[in-house]
Amino acid sequence: MANDKEITVEEKLRALYDLQLVDSRIDKIRSVRGELPLEVEDLEDEVTGLKTRLEKLGTDITGLENDIKEKKIAIEEAIKLTSKYEEQQKNVRNNREYDSLSKEIEFQSLETELSEKRIGEYQARIIQRKRTSEETGVKLETRKGHLQHKKDELDGILAETQKEEELLIAKSEELSNLIEERLIFAYRRIRKNVRNGLAVVSIERGASGGSFFTIPPQRQLEIATRKKVIIDEHSGRILVDPELAEQEKEKIEKLFSSI
């Protein structure tokens, strides 16, 4: 929001152009970082996912090993019962008791076969999960290496630019406060809609900066009077005259060199 003190159109134009120069400098700093922050974030997510997968594989392996122990206990129990029933068969009093014990022995034999089959299945699953775990571990270490490299790269850039960016952001906010809310809204909307983020440009060789469309001489004179904010009808950008632009560039360059 602009200050309560009323400022002239020229002062608004100077503040807008200064704001553009400062914001462009911030854009340049951020472009150096490029996609690094997103790459770091993606790698961090992937590393977390791989760690979670390794933990789950470890839990699965432990569970399967416990299942094998239970089946081995069941086999031992079946063997004991089989021996018990075989011993009892020696002392039966009739065929009915013998047949009943024979069925129990057969049932324990089937239980043993089924437990042995399950043990084989569990062992195969353990081998498969251990192989997957090993592959995941290798992938995790590779991703951790990539992540550290990207973090170091990002930290290096941040160390060089963070202080400057913070100061420039503060300056951008300071300049924004000199300009009425309506103009700031328009400025930010234009910046968002143009490819290079240039919302305020000067006239260069008779044309709008960044545009090949010539501005009529009468229009150029009107812009040079700095009596109102003029928008280029072709590019939609706010226009300032070359003299003002040169003066503000020199002033802002001194600001940049002092940071």
Protein backbone atom coordinates (compact mmCIF):
# COMPACT_ATOMS: atom_id res chain seq x y z
CA MET A 1 0.00 0.00 0.00
CA ALA A 2 1.28 3.44 -0.90
CA ASN A 3 2.29 5.96 1.73
CA ASP A 4 -0.27 8.55 2.82
CA LYS A 5 1.87 11.31 1.30
CA GLU A 6 0.77 11.95 -2.29
CA ILE A 7 3.53 11.43 -4.86
CA THR A 8 3.71 12.69 -8.43
CA VAL A 9 3.23 10.53 -11.51
CA GLU A 10 6.93 10.91 -12.28
CA GLU A 11 7.81 9.62 -8.83
CA LYS A 12 5.46 6.68 -9.38
CA LEU A 13 7.09 5.93 -12.72
CA ARG A 14 10.55 6.09 -11.18
CA ALA A 15 9.45 3.82 -8.33
CA LEU A 16 7.87 1.39 -10.82
CA TYR A 17 10.98 1.27 -12.97
CA ASP A 18 13.21 0.86 -9.90
CA LEU A 19 10.91 -1.93 -8.74
CA GLN A 20 11.23 -3.59 -12.13
CA LEU A 21 15.03 -3.41 -12.00
CA VAL A 22 15.12 -4.86 -8.48
CA ASP A 23 12.60 -7.61 -9.28
CA SER A 24 14.53 -8.50 -12.45
CA ARG A 25 17.67 -8.87 -10.35
CA ILE A 26 15.77 -11.19 -7.98
CA ASP A 27 14.53 -13.15 -11.02
CA LYS A 28 18.13 -13.53 -12.21
CA ILE A 29 19.29 -14.81 -8.81
CA ARG A 30 16.46 -17.33 -8.72
CA SER A 31 17.14 -18.46 -12.27
CA VAL A 32 20.66 -19.42 -11.18
CA ARG A 33 19.10 -21.82 -8.69
CA GLY A 34 16.84 -23.03 -11.48
CA GLU A 35 15.19 -26.34 -10.72
CA LEU A 36 17.64 -27.24 -7.95
CA PRO A 37 15.22 -26.70 -5.03
CA LEU A 38 12.62 -28.91 -6.73
CA GLU A 39 15.25 -31.52 -7.60
CA VAL A 40 16.39 -31.59 -3.96
CA GLU A 41 12.78 -31.91 -2.79
CA ASP A 42 12.08 -34.74 -5.25
CA LEU A 43 15.23 -36.61 -4.21
CA GLU A 44 14.37 -36.18 -0.53
CA ASP A 45 10.93 -37.65 -1.19
CA GLU A 46 12.47 -40.54 -3.13
CA VAL A 47 15.02 -41.26 -0.39
CA THR A 48 12.24 -41.26 2.21
CA GLY A 49 10.19 -43.61 0.04
CA LEU A 50 13.13 -46.01 -0.42
CA LYS A 51 13.81 -46.04 3.32
CA THR A 52 10.15 -46.83 4.00
CA ARG A 53 10.28 -49.63 1.44
CA LEU A 54 13.41 -51.09 3.03
CA GLU A 55 11.75 -51.02 6.45
CA LYS A 56 8.68 -52.80 5.06
CA LEU A 57 10.83 -55.44 3.36
CA GLY A 58 12.68 -55.99 6.65
CA THR A 59 9.37 -56.36 8.48
CA ASP A 60 8.13 -58.82 5.84
CA ILE A 61 11.30 -60.91 6.11
CA THR A 62 11.06 -61.02 9.91
CA GLY A 63 7.39 -62.03 9.65
CA LEU A 64 8.19 -64.82 7.18
CA GLU A 65 11.03 -66.08 9.38
CA ASN A 66 8.60 -66.22 12.32
CA ASP A 67 6.11 -68.10 10.13
CA ILE A 68 8.83 -70.66 9.29
CA LYS A 69 9.59 -71.12 13.00
CA GLU A 70 5.88 -71.73 13.69
CA LYS A 71 5.66 -74.30 10.90
CA LYS A 72 8.76 -76.10 12.17
CA ILE A 73 7.21 -76.25 15.63
CA ALA A 74 4.03 -77.62 14.01
CA ILE A 75 6.10 -80.29 12.23
CA GLU A 76 7.80 -81.29 15.50
CA GLU A 77 4.41 -81.49 17.19
CA ALA A 78 3.03 -83.62 14.33
CA ILE A 79 6.02 -85.98 14.56
CA LYS A 80 5.50 -86.37 18.32
CA LEU A 81 1.78 -87.07 17.86
CA THR A 82 2.51 -89.57 15.07
CA SER A 83 4.91 -91.47 17.35
CA LYS A 84 2.34 -91.36 20.14
CA TYR A 85 -0.46 -92.71 17.91
CA GLU A 86 1.81 -95.42 16.44
CA GLU A 87 2.68 -96.55 19.97
CA GLN A 88 -1.01 -96.58 20.90
CA GLN A 89 -1.80 -98.73 17.85
CA LYS A 90 0.26 -101.52 19.41
CA ASN A 91 -2.18 -101.78 22.29
CA VAL A 92 -5.57 -101.36 20.58
CA ARG A 93 -8.43 -103.68 21.50
CA ASN A 94 -10.34 -103.58 18.22
CA ASN A 95 -10.22 -102.53 14.59
CA ARG A 96 -12.27 -99.40 15.22
CA GLU A 97 -9.62 -98.00 17.58
CA TYR A 98 -6.87 -98.99 15.14
CA ASP A 99 -8.61 -97.26 12.22
CA SER A 100 -9.22 -94.14 14.32
CA LEU A 101 -5.52 -93.93 15.22
CA SER A 102 -4.56 -94.56 11.59
CA LYS A 103 -6.66 -91.57 10.54
CA GLU A 104 -4.92 -89.42 13.17
CA ILE A 105 -1.52 -90.57 11.89
CA GLU A 106 -2.55 -89.79 8.31
CA PHE A 107 -3.82 -86.36 9.38
CA GLN A 108 -0.50 -85.55 11.10
CA SER A 109 1.35 -86.68 7.98
CA LEU A 110 -0.72 -84.29 5.87
CA GLU A 111 -0.11 -81.49 8.39
CA THR A 112 3.62 -82.14 8.12
CA GLU A 113 3.54 -82.08 4.31
CA LEU A 114 1.51 -78.90 4.30
CA SER A 115 3.88 -77.22 6.81
CA GLU A 116 6.90 -78.27 4.73
CA LYS A 117 5.23 -76.86 1.62
CA ARG A 118 4.52 -73.57 3.41
CA ILE A 119 8.13 -73.41 4.66
CA GLY A 120 9.34 -73.76 1.06
CA GLU A 121 7.01 -70.95 -0.04
CA TYR A 122 8.12 -68.70 2.82
CA GLN A 123 11.79 -69.37 2.07
CA ALA A 124 11.24 -68.47 -1.60
CA ARG A 125 9.54 -65.23 -0.54
CA ILE A 126 12.41 -64.42 1.82
CA ILE A 127 14.94 -64.92 -1.00
CA GLN A 128 12.88 -62.66 -3.28
CA ARG A 129 12.47 -59.98 -0.62
CA LYS A 130 16.16 -60.09 0.30
CA ARG A 131 17.04 -59.63 -3.36
CA THR A 132 14.63 -56.71 -3.62
CA SER A 133 15.97 -55.31 -0.36
CA GLU A 134 19.53 -55.47 -1.67
CA GLU A 135 18.54 -53.74 -4.93
CA THR A 136 16.59 -51.11 -2.99
CA GLY A 137 19.57 -50.55 -0.67
CA VAL A 138 21.88 -49.96 -3.64
CA LYS A 139 19.35 -47.58 -5.19
CA LEU A 140 18.95 -45.78 -1.86
CA GLU A 141 22.69 -45.21 -1.51
CA THR A 142 22.85 -43.93 -5.09
CA ARG A 143 19.96 -41.52 -4.50
CA LYS A 144 21.49 -40.36 -1.21
CA GLY A 145 24.69 -39.57 -3.08
CA HIS A 146 22.77 -37.61 -5.71
CA LEU A 147 20.83 -35.80 -3.00
CA GLN A 148 23.97 -34.76 -1.15
CA HIS A 149 25.53 -33.52 -4.38
CA LYS A 150 22.44 -31.44 -5.21
CA LYS A 151 22.22 -30.14 -1.64
CA ASP A 152 25.86 -29.08 -1.71
CA GLU A 153 25.31 -27.38 -5.05
CA LEU A 154 22.20 -25.59 -3.78
CA ASP A 155 23.85 -24.62 -0.48
CA GLY A 156 26.77 -23.14 -2.42
CA ILE A 157 24.46 -21.01 -4.53
CA LEU A 158 22.41 -19.96 -1.51
CA ALA A 159 25.56 -18.99 0.39
CA GLU A 160 26.51 -16.68 -2.46
CA THR A 161 23.08 -15.18 -3.14
CA GLN A 162 20.84 -15.50 -0.08
CA LYS A 163 21.94 -12.29 1.63
CA GLU A 164 21.67 -10.32 -1.62
CA GLU A 165 18.24 -11.79 -2.36
CA GLU A 166 16.96 -10.95 1.12
CA LEU A 167 18.14 -7.35 0.77
CA LEU A 168 16.62 -7.06 -2.69
CA ILE A 169 13.30 -8.49 -1.50
CA ALA A 170 13.26 -5.90 1.29
CA LYS A 171 14.01 -3.18 -1.29
CA SER A 172 11.24 -4.52 -3.55
CA GLU A 173 8.76 -4.28 -0.69
CA GLU A 174 9.96 -0.79 0.15
CA LEU A 175 9.45 0.36 -3.43
CA SER A 176 6.06 -1.33 -3.61
CA ASN A 177 4.93 0.69 -0.61
CA LEU A 178 5.62 3.90 -2.55
CA ILE A 179 3.17 2.91 -5.26
CA GLU A 180 -0.60 2.84 -5.01
CA GLU A 181 -2.22 -0.56 -4.76
CA ARG A 182 -3.95 -0.28 -8.14
CA LEU A 183 -0.63 0.22 -9.96
CA ILE A 184 1.10 -2.54 -8.01
CA PHE A 185 -1.70 -4.93 -8.92
CA ALA A 186 -1.36 -3.98 -12.61
CA TYR A 187 2.43 -4.28 -12.45
CA ARG A 188 2.28 -7.79 -10.94
CA ARG A 189 -0.39 -8.90 -13.38
CA ILE A 190 1.72 -7.75 -16.35
CA ARG A 191 4.84 -9.41 -14.91
CA LYS A 192 2.96 -12.66 -14.59
CA ASN A 193 1.67 -12.53 -18.16
CA VAL A 194 4.91 -11.66 -19.99
CA ARG A 195 7.63 -14.20 -20.71
CA ASN A 196 10.61 -12.30 -19.28
CA GLY A 197 8.81 -10.68 -16.35
CA LEU A 198 9.35 -7.17 -17.73
CA ALA A 199 6.28 -5.12 -16.85
CA VAL A 200 7.99 -1.71 -17.09
CA VAL A 201 10.21 -0.96 -20.10
CA SER A 202 11.79 2.10 -21.65
CA ILE A 203 11.57 3.24 -25.25
CA GLU A 204 14.51 1.93 -27.28
CA ARG A 205 15.16 3.22 -30.79
CA GLY A 206 11.60 4.48 -31.03
CA ALA A 207 9.98 1.21 -29.95
CA SER A 208 8.82 -0.35 -26.71
CA GLY A 209 11.64 -2.27 -25.03
CA GLY A 210 11.38 -5.91 -26.05
CA SER A 211 8.97 -5.05 -28.87
CA PHE A 212 9.43 -4.28 -32.57
CA PHE A 213 6.40 -2.01 -32.77
CA THR A 214 7.31 1.64 -33.29
CA ILE A 215 5.76 4.20 -30.97
CA PRO A 216 4.53 7.36 -32.76
CA PRO A 217 6.61 10.50 -32.03
CA GLN A 218 3.63 12.26 -30.44
CA ARG A 219 3.17 9.33 -28.08
CA GLN A 220 6.88 9.38 -27.24
CA LEU A 221 6.64 13.05 -26.31
CA GLU A 222 3.65 12.30 -24.10
CA ILE A 223 5.61 9.54 -22.33
CA ALA A 224 8.55 11.93 -21.84
CA THR A 225 6.33 14.44 -20.00
CA ARG A 226 5.81 11.84 -17.23
CA LYS A 227 2.35 13.22 -16.55
CA LYS A 228 0.53 9.89 -16.64
CA VAL A 229 1.18 6.15 -16.66
CA ILE A 230 1.07 4.96 -20.28
CA ILE A 231 0.64 1.35 -21.39
CA ASP A 232 2.07 0.09 -24.68
CA GLU A 233 -0.91 -0.99 -26.79
CA HIS A 234 1.03 -3.84 -28.41
CA SER A 235 2.95 -5.45 -25.54
CA GLY A 236 0.74 -4.32 -22.63
CA ARG A 237 3.78 -3.07 -20.72
CA ILE A 238 4.15 0.20 -18.81
CA LEU A 239 6.36 2.63 -20.72
CA VAL A 240 8.99 5.10 -19.47
CA ASP A 241 11.22 7.45 -21.44
CA PRO A 242 14.91 6.60 -22.05
CA GLU A 243 16.24 9.46 -19.93
CA LEU A 244 14.31 8.36 -16.84
CA ALA A 245 15.35 4.77 -17.46
CA GLU A 246 19.02 5.68 -17.70
CA GLN A 247 18.90 7.75 -14.51
CA GLU A 248 17.17 4.98 -12.54
CA LYS A 249 19.47 2.28 -13.90
CA GLU A 250 22.49 4.23 -12.70
CA LYS A 251 20.91 4.70 -9.27
CA ILE A 252 19.91 1.05 -8.90
CA GLU A 253 23.29 -0.19 -10.16
CA LYS A 254 24.88 1.70 -7.26
CA LEU A 255 22.46 -0.09 -4.95
CA PHE A 256 23.42 -3.46 -6.43
CA SER A 257 27.15 -2.76 -6.07
CA SER A 258 26.68 -1.85 -2.40
CA ILE A 259 25.01 -5.17 -1.56
